[in-house]
Amino acid sequence: MPSFDQHFRQAQHNVEFLESFYETYKFNDWAITVSFYTAVHIIEAVIAKKGKIRFREKEYEIQHSDQLSNILKTCRENLPKNFSEEFVTHHHIMRNLIVNENFPQISGWFKLLYNDSRIARYRKYQWENYKVDLIVKTSLKEIIEWANKEIGVKIKSKFMT
């Protein structure tokens, strides 16, 4: 399982990769996808740094969102009755649950990146430039600014200006 430093470095690496082609607008689908995975590494870095999360009014010590799956498998009473085994093994779902409950200030931005990255990867490969700007320069920027305040680090990005 990657550490805080590894997630932080990968987030910075992804930002630099995104900046290397973003302004051409030639690869808008990839700009959205890279933005989402940058946000994933930011979220995982925050989880690793904090070392604990809340879920359904209980606190758990974890270092990575995947660990929530193990908790839910052993504590079935924490799950609504209609949650399937497939549900608790899906890492994006586990991360989304953590973000919604623990980081509400960015949950809307993260959900937008998640949804749009799925569309970009599987259904719509060409995006209007203004839409990509809204997604990257707003959603990712908000998540980066939040993380910089939340864990006291500095993810550098020219999107921040």
N, C-alpha and C. Protein backbone atom coordinates (compact mmCIF):
# COMPACT_ATOMS: atom_id res chain seq x y z
N MET A 1 0.84 -1.17 0.00
CA MET A 1 0.00 0.00 0.00
C MET A 1 0.90 1.25 0.00
N PRO A 2 0.67 2.16 -0.94
CA PRO A 2 1.53 3.35 -1.01
C PRO A 2 1.41 4.23 0.25
N SER A 3 2.49 4.88 0.56
CA SER A 3 2.55 5.76 1.72
C SER A 3 2.06 7.16 1.36
N PHE A 4 1.97 8.01 2.38
CA PHE A 4 1.63 9.41 2.16
C PHE A 4 2.57 10.03 1.15
N ASP A 5 3.88 9.85 1.35
CA ASP A 5 4.87 10.45 0.44
C ASP A 5 4.70 9.95 -0.99
N GLN A 6 4.44 8.67 -1.16
CA GLN A 6 4.27 8.13 -2.50
C GLN A 6 3.03 8.72 -3.19
N HIS A 7 1.93 8.82 -2.45
CA HIS A 7 0.72 9.42 -3.01
C HIS A 7 0.94 10.89 -3.34
N PHE A 8 1.60 11.60 -2.43
CA PHE A 8 1.87 13.02 -2.65
C PHE A 8 2.74 13.21 -3.89
N ARG A 9 3.81 12.43 -4.00
CA ARG A 9 4.70 12.54 -5.17
C ARG A 9 3.96 12.19 -6.46
N GLN A 10 3.10 11.17 -6.41
CA GLN A 10 2.36 10.80 -7.61
C GLN A 10 1.36 11.89 -7.99
N ALA A 11 0.73 12.51 -7.03
CA ALA A 11 -0.18 13.62 -7.32
C ALA A 11 0.58 14.75 -8.01
N GLN A 12 1.75 15.11 -7.48
CA GLN A 12 2.54 16.17 -8.08
C GLN A 12 2.99 15.76 -9.49
N HIS A 13 3.40 14.52 -9.65
CA HIS A 13 3.81 14.00 -10.95
C HIS A 13 2.64 14.10 -11.95
N ASN A 14 1.44 13.71 -11.53
CA ASN A 14 0.27 13.78 -12.40
C ASN A 14 -0.04 15.21 -12.80
N VAL A 15 0.09 16.15 -11.86
CA VAL A 15 -0.15 17.56 -12.17
C VAL A 15 0.84 18.02 -13.24
N GLU A 16 2.09 17.66 -13.07
CA GLU A 16 3.10 18.07 -14.05
C GLU A 16 2.82 17.45 -15.42
N PHE A 17 2.39 16.20 -15.44
CA PHE A 17 2.02 15.55 -16.70
C PHE A 17 0.84 16.28 -17.34
N LEU A 18 -0.16 16.56 -16.57
CA LEU A 18 -1.34 17.28 -17.06
C LEU A 18 -0.94 18.63 -17.65
N GLU A 19 -0.09 19.35 -16.96
CA GLU A 19 0.35 20.66 -17.44
C GLU A 19 1.14 20.55 -18.75
N SER A 20 1.79 19.41 -18.98
CA SER A 20 2.62 19.26 -20.18
C SER A 20 1.82 19.24 -21.48
N PHE A 21 0.53 18.89 -21.41
CA PHE A 21 -0.26 18.85 -22.64
C PHE A 21 -1.58 19.60 -22.55
N TYR A 22 -1.93 20.07 -21.38
CA TYR A 22 -3.26 20.64 -21.15
C TYR A 22 -3.60 21.78 -22.10
N GLU A 23 -2.73 22.74 -22.24
CA GLU A 23 -3.07 23.96 -22.97
C GLU A 23 -3.24 23.77 -24.47
N THR A 24 -2.89 22.61 -25.00
CA THR A 24 -3.13 22.35 -26.42
C THR A 24 -4.59 21.98 -26.68
N TYR A 25 -5.29 21.52 -25.66
CA TYR A 25 -6.67 21.04 -25.76
C TYR A 25 -6.82 19.88 -26.74
N LYS A 26 -5.71 19.27 -27.10
CA LYS A 26 -5.74 18.16 -28.05
C LYS A 26 -6.20 16.86 -27.39
N PHE A 27 -5.94 16.72 -26.10
CA PHE A 27 -6.24 15.48 -25.39
C PHE A 27 -7.18 15.76 -24.21
N ASN A 28 -8.31 16.39 -24.49
CA ASN A 28 -9.22 16.79 -23.42
C ASN A 28 -9.73 15.61 -22.60
N ASP A 29 -9.95 14.46 -23.26
CA ASP A 29 -10.41 13.29 -22.50
C ASP A 29 -9.35 12.87 -21.49
N TRP A 30 -8.09 12.95 -21.87
CA TRP A 30 -7.01 12.58 -20.96
C TRP A 30 -6.81 13.63 -19.88
N ALA A 31 -7.06 14.88 -20.20
CA ALA A 31 -6.95 15.93 -19.18
C ALA A 31 -7.94 15.66 -18.04
N ILE A 32 -9.13 15.24 -18.39
CA ILE A 32 -10.15 14.93 -17.38
C ILE A 32 -9.75 13.68 -16.59
N THR A 33 -9.29 12.67 -17.29
CA THR A 33 -8.89 11.42 -16.63
C THR A 33 -7.70 11.64 -15.69
N VAL A 34 -6.69 12.35 -16.17
CA VAL A 34 -5.52 12.62 -15.32
C VAL A 34 -5.92 13.49 -14.13
N SER A 35 -6.83 14.41 -14.32
CA SER A 35 -7.31 15.23 -13.20
C SER A 35 -7.95 14.37 -12.12
N PHE A 36 -8.77 13.41 -12.54
CA PHE A 36 -9.40 12.52 -11.57
C PHE A 36 -8.36 11.72 -10.81
N TYR A 37 -7.41 11.11 -11.52
CA TYR A 37 -6.42 10.29 -10.82
C TYR A 37 -5.46 11.12 -9.98
N THR A 38 -5.28 12.37 -10.33
CA THR A 38 -4.53 13.28 -9.45
C THR A 38 -5.30 13.45 -8.15
N ALA A 39 -6.61 13.67 -8.28
CA ALA A 39 -7.45 13.82 -7.09
C ALA A 39 -7.45 12.55 -6.25
N VAL A 40 -7.44 11.39 -6.88
CA VAL A 40 -7.38 10.12 -6.14
C VAL A 40 -6.12 10.08 -5.27
N HIS A 41 -4.99 10.43 -5.85
CA HIS A 41 -3.74 10.40 -5.07
C HIS A 41 -3.75 11.46 -3.97
N ILE A 42 -4.37 12.58 -4.22
CA ILE A 42 -4.49 13.61 -3.18
C ILE A 42 -5.32 13.08 -2.02
N ILE A 43 -6.47 12.49 -2.32
CA ILE A 43 -7.35 11.93 -1.28
C ILE A 43 -6.61 10.85 -0.50
N GLU A 44 -5.92 9.96 -1.20
CA GLU A 44 -5.20 8.89 -0.52
C GLU A 44 -4.07 9.44 0.34
N ALA A 45 -3.42 10.50 -0.12
CA ALA A 45 -2.37 11.13 0.70
C ALA A 45 -2.97 11.70 1.98
N VAL A 46 -4.12 12.33 1.88
CA VAL A 46 -4.78 12.89 3.07
C VAL A 46 -5.18 11.78 4.02
N ILE A 47 -5.76 10.71 3.50
CA ILE A 47 -6.15 9.57 4.35
C ILE A 47 -4.92 9.02 5.07
N ALA A 48 -3.83 8.82 4.33
CA ALA A 48 -2.60 8.27 4.93
C ALA A 48 -2.05 9.21 5.99
N LYS A 49 -2.09 10.50 5.74
CA LYS A 49 -1.55 11.49 6.69
C LYS A 49 -2.39 11.52 7.97
N LYS A 50 -3.70 11.52 7.81
CA LYS A 50 -4.58 11.57 8.98
C LYS A 50 -4.58 10.25 9.76
N GLY A 51 -4.55 9.13 9.03
CA GLY A 51 -4.49 7.83 9.68
C GLY A 51 -5.79 7.33 10.26
N LYS A 52 -6.86 8.07 10.10
CA LYS A 52 -8.16 7.62 10.58
C LYS A 52 -9.27 8.31 9.80
N ILE A 53 -10.41 7.63 9.77
CA ILE A 53 -11.59 8.17 9.11
C ILE A 53 -12.81 7.88 9.97
N ARG A 54 -13.89 8.54 9.63
CA ARG A 54 -15.19 8.24 10.23
C ARG A 54 -16.02 7.51 9.18
N PHE A 55 -16.78 6.53 9.65
CA PHE A 55 -17.74 5.87 8.77
C PHE A 55 -18.92 5.44 9.61
N ARG A 56 -20.08 5.91 9.27
CA ARG A 56 -21.32 5.60 9.96
C ARG A 56 -21.18 5.78 11.47
N GLU A 57 -20.68 6.95 11.85
CA GLU A 57 -20.57 7.40 13.23
C GLU A 57 -19.54 6.63 14.07
N LYS A 58 -18.65 5.89 13.41
CA LYS A 58 -17.56 5.23 14.11
C LYS A 58 -16.25 5.71 13.50
N GLU A 59 -15.19 5.66 14.31
CA GLU A 59 -13.88 6.06 13.82
C GLU A 59 -13.02 4.82 13.63
N TYR A 60 -12.28 4.80 12.50
CA TYR A 60 -11.42 3.67 12.17
C TYR A 60 -10.04 4.18 11.81
N GLU A 61 -9.03 3.43 12.23
CA GLU A 61 -7.66 3.75 11.85
C GLU A 61 -7.36 3.04 10.53
N ILE A 62 -7.07 3.83 9.51
CA ILE A 62 -6.70 3.27 8.21
C ILE A 62 -5.63 4.16 7.59
N GLN A 63 -4.93 3.60 6.63
CA GLN A 63 -3.91 4.34 5.89
C GLN A 63 -4.27 4.48 4.42
N HIS A 64 -5.30 3.76 3.97
CA HIS A 64 -5.67 3.74 2.56
C HIS A 64 -7.16 3.39 2.47
N SER A 65 -7.83 3.93 1.48
CA SER A 65 -9.27 3.70 1.35
C SER A 65 -9.62 2.22 1.16
N ASP A 66 -8.74 1.43 0.58
CA ASP A 66 -9.01 0.00 0.40
C ASP A 66 -9.24 -0.70 1.73
N GLN A 67 -8.69 -0.18 2.79
CA GLN A 67 -8.86 -0.82 4.10
C GLN A 67 -10.30 -0.74 4.59
N LEU A 68 -11.08 0.20 4.09
CA LEU A 68 -12.49 0.27 4.48
C LEU A 68 -13.22 -0.99 4.05
N SER A 69 -12.85 -1.57 2.92
CA SER A 69 -13.47 -2.82 2.47
C SER A 69 -13.33 -3.91 3.51
N ASN A 70 -12.13 -4.08 4.05
CA ASN A 70 -11.89 -5.11 5.07
C ASN A 70 -12.72 -4.85 6.31
N ILE A 71 -12.82 -3.60 6.70
CA ILE A 71 -13.63 -3.25 7.87
C ILE A 71 -15.08 -3.62 7.62
N LEU A 72 -15.60 -3.27 6.45
CA LEU A 72 -17.01 -3.54 6.16
C LEU A 72 -17.30 -5.03 6.01
N LYS A 73 -16.34 -5.78 5.52
CA LYS A 73 -16.54 -7.23 5.40
C LYS A 73 -16.63 -7.90 6.76
N THR A 74 -15.91 -7.37 7.75
CA THR A 74 -15.92 -7.97 9.07
C THR A 74 -17.00 -7.37 9.97
N CYS A 75 -17.51 -6.23 9.62
CA CYS A 75 -18.54 -5.55 10.43
C CYS A 75 -19.77 -5.31 9.56
N ARG A 76 -20.42 -6.38 9.16
CA ARG A 76 -21.56 -6.26 8.25
C ARG A 76 -22.67 -5.37 8.79
N GLU A 77 -22.73 -5.19 10.10
CA GLU A 77 -23.77 -4.34 10.67
C GLU A 77 -23.60 -2.87 10.27
N ASN A 78 -22.42 -2.52 9.76
CA ASN A 78 -22.18 -1.15 9.29
C ASN A 78 -22.78 -0.90 7.91
N LEU A 79 -23.19 -1.95 7.24
CA LEU A 79 -23.69 -1.82 5.88
C LEU A 79 -25.21 -1.80 5.83
N PRO A 80 -25.77 -0.99 4.94
CA PRO A 80 -27.20 -1.13 4.66
C PRO A 80 -27.46 -2.53 4.11
N LYS A 81 -28.64 -3.05 4.32
CA LYS A 81 -28.95 -4.42 3.93
C LYS A 81 -28.79 -4.70 2.43
N ASN A 82 -28.96 -3.68 1.59
CA ASN A 82 -28.91 -3.90 0.15
C ASN A 82 -27.50 -3.80 -0.44
N PHE A 83 -26.47 -3.62 0.38
CA PHE A 83 -25.09 -3.54 -0.12
C PHE A 83 -24.58 -4.95 -0.41
N SER A 84 -24.09 -5.15 -1.61
CA SER A 84 -23.60 -6.46 -2.02
C SER A 84 -22.12 -6.62 -1.70
N GLU A 85 -21.65 -7.85 -1.82
CA GLU A 85 -20.23 -8.14 -1.63
C GLU A 85 -19.40 -7.39 -2.67
N GLU A 86 -19.91 -7.29 -3.90
CA GLU A 86 -19.22 -6.55 -4.96
C GLU A 86 -19.06 -5.08 -4.57
N PHE A 87 -20.07 -4.55 -3.92
CA PHE A 87 -20.03 -3.16 -3.49
C PHE A 87 -18.85 -2.89 -2.56
N VAL A 88 -18.64 -3.76 -1.59
CA VAL A 88 -17.60 -3.50 -0.59
C VAL A 88 -16.20 -3.83 -1.09
N THR A 89 -16.08 -4.40 -2.27
CA THR A 89 -14.75 -4.66 -2.80
C THR A 89 -14.36 -3.67 -3.91
N HIS A 90 -15.19 -2.72 -4.20
CA HIS A 90 -14.91 -1.75 -5.26
C HIS A 90 -14.19 -0.54 -4.66
N HIS A 91 -12.92 -0.37 -5.01
CA HIS A 91 -12.11 0.67 -4.36
C HIS A 91 -12.61 2.08 -4.62
N HIS A 92 -13.17 2.36 -5.80
CA HIS A 92 -13.68 3.71 -6.04
C HIS A 92 -14.90 4.00 -5.15
N ILE A 93 -15.72 2.99 -4.94
CA ILE A 93 -16.89 3.18 -4.08
C ILE A 93 -16.44 3.43 -2.64
N MET A 94 -15.47 2.67 -2.16
CA MET A 94 -14.97 2.87 -0.80
C MET A 94 -14.41 4.29 -0.64
N ARG A 95 -13.63 4.74 -1.61
CA ARG A 95 -13.05 6.08 -1.54
C ARG A 95 -14.15 7.14 -1.57
N ASN A 96 -15.15 6.95 -2.42
CA ASN A 96 -16.25 7.91 -2.48
C ASN A 96 -16.99 7.99 -1.15
N LEU A 97 -17.20 6.85 -0.50
CA LEU A 97 -17.84 6.87 0.82
C LEU A 97 -17.01 7.67 1.83
N ILE A 98 -15.71 7.45 1.80
CA ILE A 98 -14.82 8.16 2.73
C ILE A 98 -14.86 9.66 2.45
N VAL A 99 -14.76 10.03 1.18
CA VAL A 99 -14.78 11.45 0.82
C VAL A 99 -16.10 12.09 1.24
N ASN A 100 -17.21 11.44 0.95
CA ASN A 100 -18.52 12.02 1.30
C ASN A 100 -18.66 12.26 2.79
N GLU A 101 -18.20 11.34 3.59
CA GLU A 101 -18.40 11.46 5.04
C GLU A 101 -17.31 12.26 5.74
N ASN A 102 -16.09 12.22 5.23
CA ASN A 102 -14.97 12.84 5.94
C ASN A 102 -14.51 14.16 5.34
N PHE A 103 -14.74 14.36 4.07
CA PHE A 103 -14.25 15.55 3.38
C PHE A 103 -15.38 16.22 2.59
N PRO A 104 -16.47 16.60 3.26
CA PRO A 104 -17.62 17.14 2.54
C PRO A 104 -17.32 18.43 1.76
N GLN A 105 -16.29 19.16 2.18
CA GLN A 105 -15.97 20.40 1.49
C GLN A 105 -15.49 20.19 0.06
N ILE A 106 -15.04 18.97 -0.27
CA ILE A 106 -14.61 18.70 -1.65
C ILE A 106 -15.38 17.56 -2.30
N SER A 107 -16.35 17.00 -1.61
CA SER A 107 -17.03 15.82 -2.14
C SER A 107 -17.72 16.10 -3.47
N GLY A 108 -18.29 17.26 -3.65
CA GLY A 108 -18.94 17.59 -4.92
C GLY A 108 -17.95 17.68 -6.06
N TRP A 109 -16.79 18.30 -5.80
CA TRP A 109 -15.75 18.41 -6.82
C TRP A 109 -15.20 17.04 -7.19
N PHE A 110 -14.99 16.20 -6.17
CA PHE A 110 -14.46 14.86 -6.41
C PHE A 110 -15.46 14.02 -7.21
N LYS A 111 -16.73 14.12 -6.86
CA LYS A 111 -17.76 13.37 -7.58
C LYS A 111 -17.83 13.81 -9.04
N LEU A 112 -17.72 15.10 -9.29
CA LEU A 112 -17.71 15.60 -10.66
C LEU A 112 -16.54 15.02 -11.45
N LEU A 113 -15.34 15.04 -10.85
CA LEU A 113 -14.17 14.46 -11.52
C LEU A 113 -14.36 12.96 -11.77
N TYR A 114 -14.88 12.25 -10.78
CA TYR A 114 -15.12 10.82 -10.92
C TYR A 114 -16.08 10.54 -12.08
N ASN A 115 -17.23 11.20 -12.07
CA ASN A 115 -18.23 10.96 -13.10
C ASN A 115 -17.72 11.35 -14.49
N ASP A 116 -17.11 12.52 -14.60
CA ASP A 116 -16.64 12.97 -15.90
C ASP A 116 -15.47 12.13 -16.41
N SER A 117 -14.65 11.61 -15.51
CA SER A 117 -13.54 10.76 -15.97
C SER A 117 -14.08 9.45 -16.54
N ARG A 118 -15.13 8.93 -15.95
CA ARG A 118 -15.74 7.70 -16.50
C ARG A 118 -16.33 7.97 -17.88
N ILE A 119 -16.98 9.11 -18.03
CA ILE A 119 -17.54 9.47 -19.34
C ILE A 119 -16.40 9.64 -20.35
N ALA A 120 -15.33 10.33 -19.94
CA ALA A 120 -14.19 10.57 -20.84
C ALA A 120 -13.51 9.26 -21.25
N ARG A 121 -13.44 8.31 -20.35
CA ARG A 121 -12.76 7.05 -20.67
C ARG A 121 -13.60 6.11 -21.50
N TYR A 122 -14.93 6.15 -21.33
CA TYR A 122 -15.75 5.10 -21.93
C TYR A 122 -16.79 5.56 -22.95
N ARG A 123 -17.13 6.85 -22.96
CA ARG A 123 -18.23 7.26 -23.82
C ARG A 123 -17.98 8.48 -24.69
N LYS A 124 -17.28 9.46 -24.18
CA LYS A 124 -17.15 10.73 -24.90
C LYS A 124 -15.67 11.12 -24.92
N TYR A 125 -15.08 11.06 -26.08
CA TYR A 125 -13.64 11.29 -26.17
C TYR A 125 -13.28 12.73 -26.53
N GLN A 126 -14.21 13.45 -27.12
CA GLN A 126 -13.98 14.85 -27.46
C GLN A 126 -14.81 15.72 -26.53
N TRP A 127 -14.15 16.68 -25.88
CA TRP A 127 -14.81 17.57 -24.94
C TRP A 127 -14.58 19.01 -25.38
N GLU A 128 -15.57 19.84 -25.14
CA GLU A 128 -15.43 21.25 -25.43
C GLU A 128 -14.38 21.84 -24.48
N ASN A 129 -13.59 22.77 -25.01
CA ASN A 129 -12.51 23.35 -24.21
C ASN A 129 -13.02 24.02 -22.94
N TYR A 130 -14.13 24.73 -23.02
CA TYR A 130 -14.65 25.42 -21.84
C TYR A 130 -15.06 24.43 -20.76
N LYS A 131 -15.59 23.27 -21.16
CA LYS A 131 -16.00 22.24 -20.19
C LYS A 131 -14.78 21.67 -19.48
N VAL A 132 -13.73 21.42 -20.24
CA VAL A 132 -12.50 20.91 -19.63
C VAL A 132 -11.92 21.94 -18.68
N ASP A 133 -11.93 23.21 -19.07
CA ASP A 133 -11.46 24.26 -18.17
C ASP A 133 -12.25 24.27 -16.86
N LEU A 134 -13.57 24.12 -16.97
CA LEU A 134 -14.39 24.09 -15.75
C LEU A 134 -14.02 22.90 -14.86
N ILE A 135 -13.80 21.77 -15.50
CA ILE A 135 -13.49 20.57 -14.73
C ILE A 135 -12.10 20.67 -14.10
N VAL A 136 -11.10 20.98 -14.91
CA VAL A 136 -9.72 20.98 -14.42
C VAL A 136 -9.41 22.21 -13.59
N LYS A 137 -9.71 23.37 -14.13
CA LYS A 137 -9.31 24.61 -13.46
C LYS A 137 -10.21 24.96 -12.30
N THR A 138 -11.32 24.27 -12.16
CA THR A 138 -12.18 24.50 -11.00
C THR A 138 -12.10 23.31 -10.05
N SER A 139 -12.55 22.13 -10.51
CA SER A 139 -12.62 20.96 -9.62
C SER A 139 -11.26 20.57 -9.07
N LEU A 140 -10.30 20.34 -9.95
CA LEU A 140 -8.98 19.93 -9.48
C LEU A 140 -8.33 21.02 -8.65
N LYS A 141 -8.48 22.25 -9.07
CA LYS A 141 -7.91 23.37 -8.32
C LYS A 141 -8.48 23.41 -6.90
N GLU A 142 -9.78 23.24 -6.76
CA GLU A 142 -10.40 23.24 -5.42
C GLU A 142 -9.85 22.11 -4.56
N ILE A 143 -9.67 20.94 -5.13
CA ILE A 143 -9.16 19.80 -4.37
C ILE A 143 -7.71 20.03 -3.98
N ILE A 144 -6.92 20.58 -4.88
CA ILE A 144 -5.52 20.88 -4.56
C ILE A 144 -5.44 21.93 -3.45
N GLU A 145 -6.21 22.99 -3.55
CA GLU A 145 -6.19 24.03 -2.52
C GLU A 145 -6.63 23.47 -1.17
N TRP A 146 -7.66 22.64 -1.17
CA TRP A 146 -8.13 22.01 0.07
C TRP A 146 -7.03 21.15 0.68
N ALA A 147 -6.39 20.33 -0.14
CA ALA A 147 -5.33 19.44 0.37
C ALA A 147 -4.17 20.23 0.93
N ASN A 148 -3.79 21.28 0.24
CA ASN A 148 -2.68 22.10 0.72
C ASN A 148 -2.97 22.66 2.11
N LYS A 149 -4.22 23.03 2.37
CA LYS A 149 -4.61 23.53 3.70
C LYS A 149 -4.78 22.38 4.69
N GLU A 150 -5.40 21.30 4.24
CA GLU A 150 -5.78 20.18 5.11
C GLU A 150 -4.57 19.47 5.71
N ILE A 151 -3.54 19.26 4.90
CA ILE A 151 -2.40 18.48 5.39
C ILE A 151 -1.10 19.27 5.39
N GLY A 152 -1.19 20.55 5.12
CA GLY A 152 -0.02 21.41 5.25
C GLY A 152 1.10 21.13 4.28
N VAL A 153 0.76 20.71 3.07
CA VAL A 153 1.77 20.50 2.03
C VAL A 153 1.50 21.47 0.89
N LYS A 154 2.33 21.44 -0.08
CA LYS A 154 2.16 22.34 -1.21
C LYS A 154 2.27 21.56 -2.51
N ILE A 155 1.12 21.19 -3.06
CA ILE A 155 1.08 20.63 -4.39
C ILE A 155 1.13 21.84 -5.33
N LYS A 156 2.12 21.87 -6.18
CA LYS A 156 2.32 23.02 -7.05
C LYS A 156 1.64 22.78 -8.38
N SER A 157 0.94 23.82 -8.85
CA SER A 157 0.26 23.73 -10.13
C SER A 157 0.04 25.12 -10.71
N LYS A 158 0.24 25.26 -12.00
CA LYS A 158 -0.05 26.54 -12.62
C LYS A 158 -1.56 26.77 -12.74
N PHE A 159 -2.37 25.74 -12.46
CA PHE A 159 -3.81 25.92 -12.44
C PHE A 159 -4.24 26.73 -11.23
N MET A 160 -3.36 26.88 -10.28
CA MET A 160 -3.67 27.58 -9.04
C MET A 160 -3.67 29.10 -9.22
N THR A 161 -3.15 29.59 -10.32
CA THR A 161 -3.10 31.04 -10.52
C THR A 161 -4.34 31.57 -11.15
